[in-house]
Amino acid sequence: MSGFATLSSLAQAAHEGGSYLARAARMMVGVPDYGQYLAHMRREHPETEPLSYEEFFKNRMQSRYGGGRAGCC
């Protein structure tokens, strides 16, 4: 294996690892991943038009935090 091929493989692995860590971090803090949503929609619901980014973000925030007042106050 040439040095370039090894370096290229390492760079690809680092990129994939970094992408995985970034997705994991976004999930932990609750930031929705629009790219993952689009991939899911293409794969599982190709006949349905996906939400725009703004609609998706609003939907995820509504789902996470609800609408209106919470609790007793």
N, C-alpha and C. Protein backbone atom coordinates (compact mmCIF):
# COMPACT_ATOMS: atom_id res chain seq x y z
N MET A 1 0.85 -1.17 0.00
CA MET A 1 0.00 0.00 0.00
C MET A 1 0.90 1.23 0.00
N SER A 2 0.58 2.18 -0.80
CA SER A 2 1.40 3.38 -0.90
C SER A 2 1.13 4.30 0.29
N GLY A 3 2.06 5.21 0.53
CA GLY A 3 1.91 6.16 1.62
C GLY A 3 0.71 7.06 1.44
N PHE A 4 0.45 7.45 0.18
CA PHE A 4 -0.70 8.31 -0.11
C PHE A 4 -2.00 7.59 0.19
N ALA A 5 -2.10 6.31 -0.19
CA ALA A 5 -3.32 5.55 0.05
C ALA A 5 -3.57 5.42 1.55
N THR A 6 -2.52 5.19 2.32
CA THR A 6 -2.66 5.08 3.76
C THR A 6 -3.10 6.40 4.36
N LEU A 7 -2.49 7.48 3.92
CA LEU A 7 -2.84 8.81 4.40
C LEU A 7 -4.28 9.15 4.04
N SER A 8 -4.68 8.80 2.82
CA SER A 8 -6.04 9.05 2.37
C SER A 8 -7.04 8.27 3.22
N SER A 9 -6.72 7.01 3.53
CA SER A 9 -7.60 6.18 4.36
C SER A 9 -7.72 6.77 5.76
N LEU A 10 -6.61 7.24 6.31
CA LEU A 10 -6.63 7.84 7.64
C LEU A 10 -7.45 9.13 7.65
N ALA A 11 -7.29 9.93 6.61
CA ALA A 11 -8.05 11.17 6.52
C ALA A 11 -9.54 10.87 6.42
N GLN A 12 -9.91 9.87 5.64
CA GLN A 12 -11.32 9.49 5.50
C GLN A 12 -11.87 9.00 6.84
N ALA A 13 -11.11 8.17 7.54
CA ALA A 13 -11.54 7.66 8.85
C ALA A 13 -11.71 8.81 9.84
N ALA A 14 -10.79 9.76 9.84
CA ALA A 14 -10.89 10.90 10.74
C ALA A 14 -12.12 11.74 10.42
N HIS A 15 -12.38 11.93 9.14
CA HIS A 15 -13.56 12.70 8.73
C HIS A 15 -14.84 12.01 9.19
N GLU A 16 -14.94 10.71 8.96
CA GLU A 16 -16.12 9.96 9.37
C GLU A 16 -16.29 9.96 10.88
N GLY A 17 -15.17 9.81 11.60
CA GLY A 17 -15.22 9.85 13.05
C GLY A 17 -15.67 11.20 13.57
N GLY A 18 -15.15 12.26 12.95
CA GLY A 18 -15.55 13.61 13.34
C GLY A 18 -17.02 13.87 13.06
N SER A 19 -17.51 13.37 11.93
CA SER A 19 -18.92 13.53 11.60
C SER A 19 -19.79 12.80 12.61
N TYR A 20 -19.37 11.60 12.99
CA TYR A 20 -20.12 10.82 13.97
C TYR A 20 -20.15 11.56 15.30
N LEU A 21 -19.01 12.07 15.74
CA LEU A 21 -18.96 12.79 17.01
C LEU A 21 -19.81 14.05 16.98
N ALA A 22 -19.80 14.75 15.86
CA ALA A 22 -20.62 15.96 15.74
C ALA A 22 -22.10 15.61 15.82
N ARG A 23 -22.52 14.54 15.13
CA ARG A 23 -23.93 14.12 15.20
C ARG A 23 -24.30 13.72 16.62
N ALA A 24 -23.41 12.98 17.29
CA ALA A 24 -23.67 12.54 18.66
C ALA A 24 -23.80 13.74 19.59
N ALA A 25 -22.93 14.72 19.44
CA ALA A 25 -22.97 15.92 20.29
C ALA A 25 -24.27 16.69 20.05
N ARG A 26 -24.69 16.83 18.79
CA ARG A 26 -25.94 17.53 18.50
C ARG A 26 -27.12 16.80 19.12
N MET A 27 -27.11 15.48 19.07
CA MET A 27 -28.20 14.71 19.67
C MET A 27 -28.24 14.91 21.18
N MET A 28 -27.07 14.95 21.82
CA MET A 28 -27.02 15.09 23.28
C MET A 28 -27.59 16.43 23.75
N VAL A 29 -27.36 17.47 23.00
CA VAL A 29 -27.86 18.78 23.40
C VAL A 29 -29.20 19.12 22.76
N GLY A 30 -29.70 18.23 21.94
CA GLY A 30 -31.03 18.41 21.38
C GLY A 30 -31.13 19.23 20.12
N VAL A 31 -30.04 19.43 19.42
CA VAL A 31 -30.08 20.17 18.17
C VAL A 31 -30.51 19.21 17.06
N PRO A 32 -31.60 19.50 16.39
CA PRO A 32 -32.08 18.59 15.35
C PRO A 32 -31.14 18.54 14.15
N ASP A 33 -31.08 17.38 13.51
CA ASP A 33 -30.19 17.17 12.36
C ASP A 33 -31.03 17.10 11.09
N TYR A 34 -31.08 18.22 10.37
CA TYR A 34 -31.90 18.31 9.17
C TYR A 34 -31.42 17.35 8.08
N GLY A 35 -30.12 17.16 7.95
CA GLY A 35 -29.58 16.23 6.95
C GLY A 35 -30.05 14.81 7.20
N GLN A 36 -30.04 14.39 8.46
CA GLN A 36 -30.53 13.04 8.79
C GLN A 36 -32.01 12.92 8.47
N TYR A 37 -32.77 13.97 8.77
CA TYR A 37 -34.20 13.98 8.46
C TYR A 37 -34.44 13.83 6.96
N LEU A 38 -33.68 14.60 6.16
CA LEU A 38 -33.85 14.51 4.70
C LEU A 38 -33.50 13.12 4.19
N ALA A 39 -32.42 12.52 4.70
CA ALA A 39 -32.04 11.17 4.28
C ALA A 39 -33.14 10.18 4.64
N HIS A 40 -33.71 10.31 5.83
CA HIS A 40 -34.81 9.43 6.26
C HIS A 40 -36.01 9.60 5.33
N MET A 41 -36.36 10.84 5.03
CA MET A 41 -37.52 11.08 4.17
C MET A 41 -37.32 10.49 2.77
N ARG A 42 -36.11 10.66 2.22
CA ARG A 42 -35.84 10.08 0.88
C ARG A 42 -35.93 8.56 0.92
N ARG A 43 -35.42 7.97 1.98
CA ARG A 43 -35.36 6.51 2.09
C ARG A 43 -36.72 5.90 2.44
N GLU A 44 -37.41 6.47 3.41
CA GLU A 44 -38.62 5.86 3.94
C GLU A 44 -39.93 6.43 3.41
N HIS A 45 -39.91 7.66 2.96
CA HIS A 45 -41.14 8.33 2.52
C HIS A 45 -40.90 9.12 1.23
N PRO A 46 -40.45 8.45 0.16
CA PRO A 46 -40.08 9.18 -1.06
C PRO A 46 -41.25 9.92 -1.71
N GLU A 47 -42.47 9.52 -1.42
CA GLU A 47 -43.63 10.17 -2.03
C GLU A 47 -44.04 11.45 -1.29
N THR A 48 -43.47 11.68 -0.11
CA THR A 48 -43.83 12.84 0.70
C THR A 48 -42.77 13.92 0.60
N GLU A 49 -43.21 15.15 0.37
CA GLU A 49 -42.26 16.27 0.32
C GLU A 49 -41.80 16.60 1.73
N PRO A 50 -40.50 16.69 1.94
CA PRO A 50 -40.01 16.99 3.29
C PRO A 50 -40.29 18.44 3.68
N LEU A 51 -40.26 18.69 4.97
CA LEU A 51 -40.43 20.04 5.49
C LEU A 51 -39.23 20.90 5.08
N SER A 52 -39.44 22.20 4.98
CA SER A 52 -38.31 23.10 4.78
C SER A 52 -37.50 23.11 6.07
N TYR A 53 -36.30 23.67 6.03
CA TYR A 53 -35.47 23.71 7.23
C TYR A 53 -36.19 24.47 8.35
N GLU A 54 -36.81 25.59 8.01
CA GLU A 54 -37.50 26.39 9.01
C GLU A 54 -38.67 25.62 9.63
N GLU A 55 -39.46 24.94 8.78
CA GLU A 55 -40.57 24.14 9.29
C GLU A 55 -40.07 22.99 10.15
N PHE A 56 -39.00 22.34 9.71
CA PHE A 56 -38.43 21.22 10.46
C PHE A 56 -37.96 21.69 11.84
N PHE A 57 -37.21 22.79 11.87
CA PHE A 57 -36.68 23.29 13.13
C PHE A 57 -37.82 23.67 14.08
N LYS A 58 -38.82 24.36 13.56
CA LYS A 58 -39.97 24.76 14.38
C LYS A 58 -40.70 23.52 14.92
N ASN A 59 -40.86 22.51 14.07
CA ASN A 59 -41.51 21.26 14.47
C ASN A 59 -40.73 20.56 15.59
N ARG A 60 -39.41 20.49 15.45
CA ARG A 60 -38.59 19.83 16.46
C ARG A 60 -38.61 20.59 17.78
N MET A 61 -38.57 21.92 17.71
CA MET A 61 -38.61 22.71 18.94
C MET A 61 -39.97 22.58 19.62
N GLN A 62 -41.03 22.56 18.82
CA GLN A 62 -42.38 22.37 19.36
C GLN A 62 -42.49 21.01 20.03
N SER A 63 -41.94 20.00 19.38
CA SER A 63 -41.98 18.65 19.92
C SER A 63 -41.19 18.55 21.22
N ARG A 64 -40.05 19.20 21.27
CA ARG A 64 -39.20 19.11 22.45
C ARG A 64 -39.72 19.95 23.62
N TYR A 65 -40.09 21.18 23.34
CA TYR A 65 -40.44 22.10 24.41
C TYR A 65 -41.93 22.34 24.57
N GLY A 66 -42.73 21.85 23.62
CA GLY A 66 -44.17 22.05 23.69
C GLY A 66 -44.55 23.46 23.34
N GLY A 67 -45.82 23.69 23.34
CA GLY A 67 -46.30 25.04 23.04
C GLY A 67 -47.11 25.55 24.21
N GLY A 68 -47.08 26.78 24.44
CA GLY A 68 -47.86 27.33 25.52
C GLY A 68 -47.16 27.18 26.87
N ARG A 69 -47.90 27.41 27.89
CA ARG A 69 -47.34 27.41 29.24
C ARG A 69 -47.28 26.00 29.80
N ALA A 70 -46.25 25.74 30.56
CA ALA A 70 -46.10 24.43 31.21
C ALA A 70 -46.15 24.61 32.72
N GLY A 71 -46.57 23.59 33.39
CA GLY A 71 -46.58 23.64 34.85
C GLY A 71 -47.72 24.49 35.39
N CYS A 72 -47.57 24.93 36.61
CA CYS A 72 -48.64 25.65 37.28
C CYS A 72 -48.56 27.15 37.13
N CYS A 73 -47.46 27.67 36.69
CA CYS A 73 -47.24 29.13 36.74
C CYS A 73 -47.42 29.78 35.40
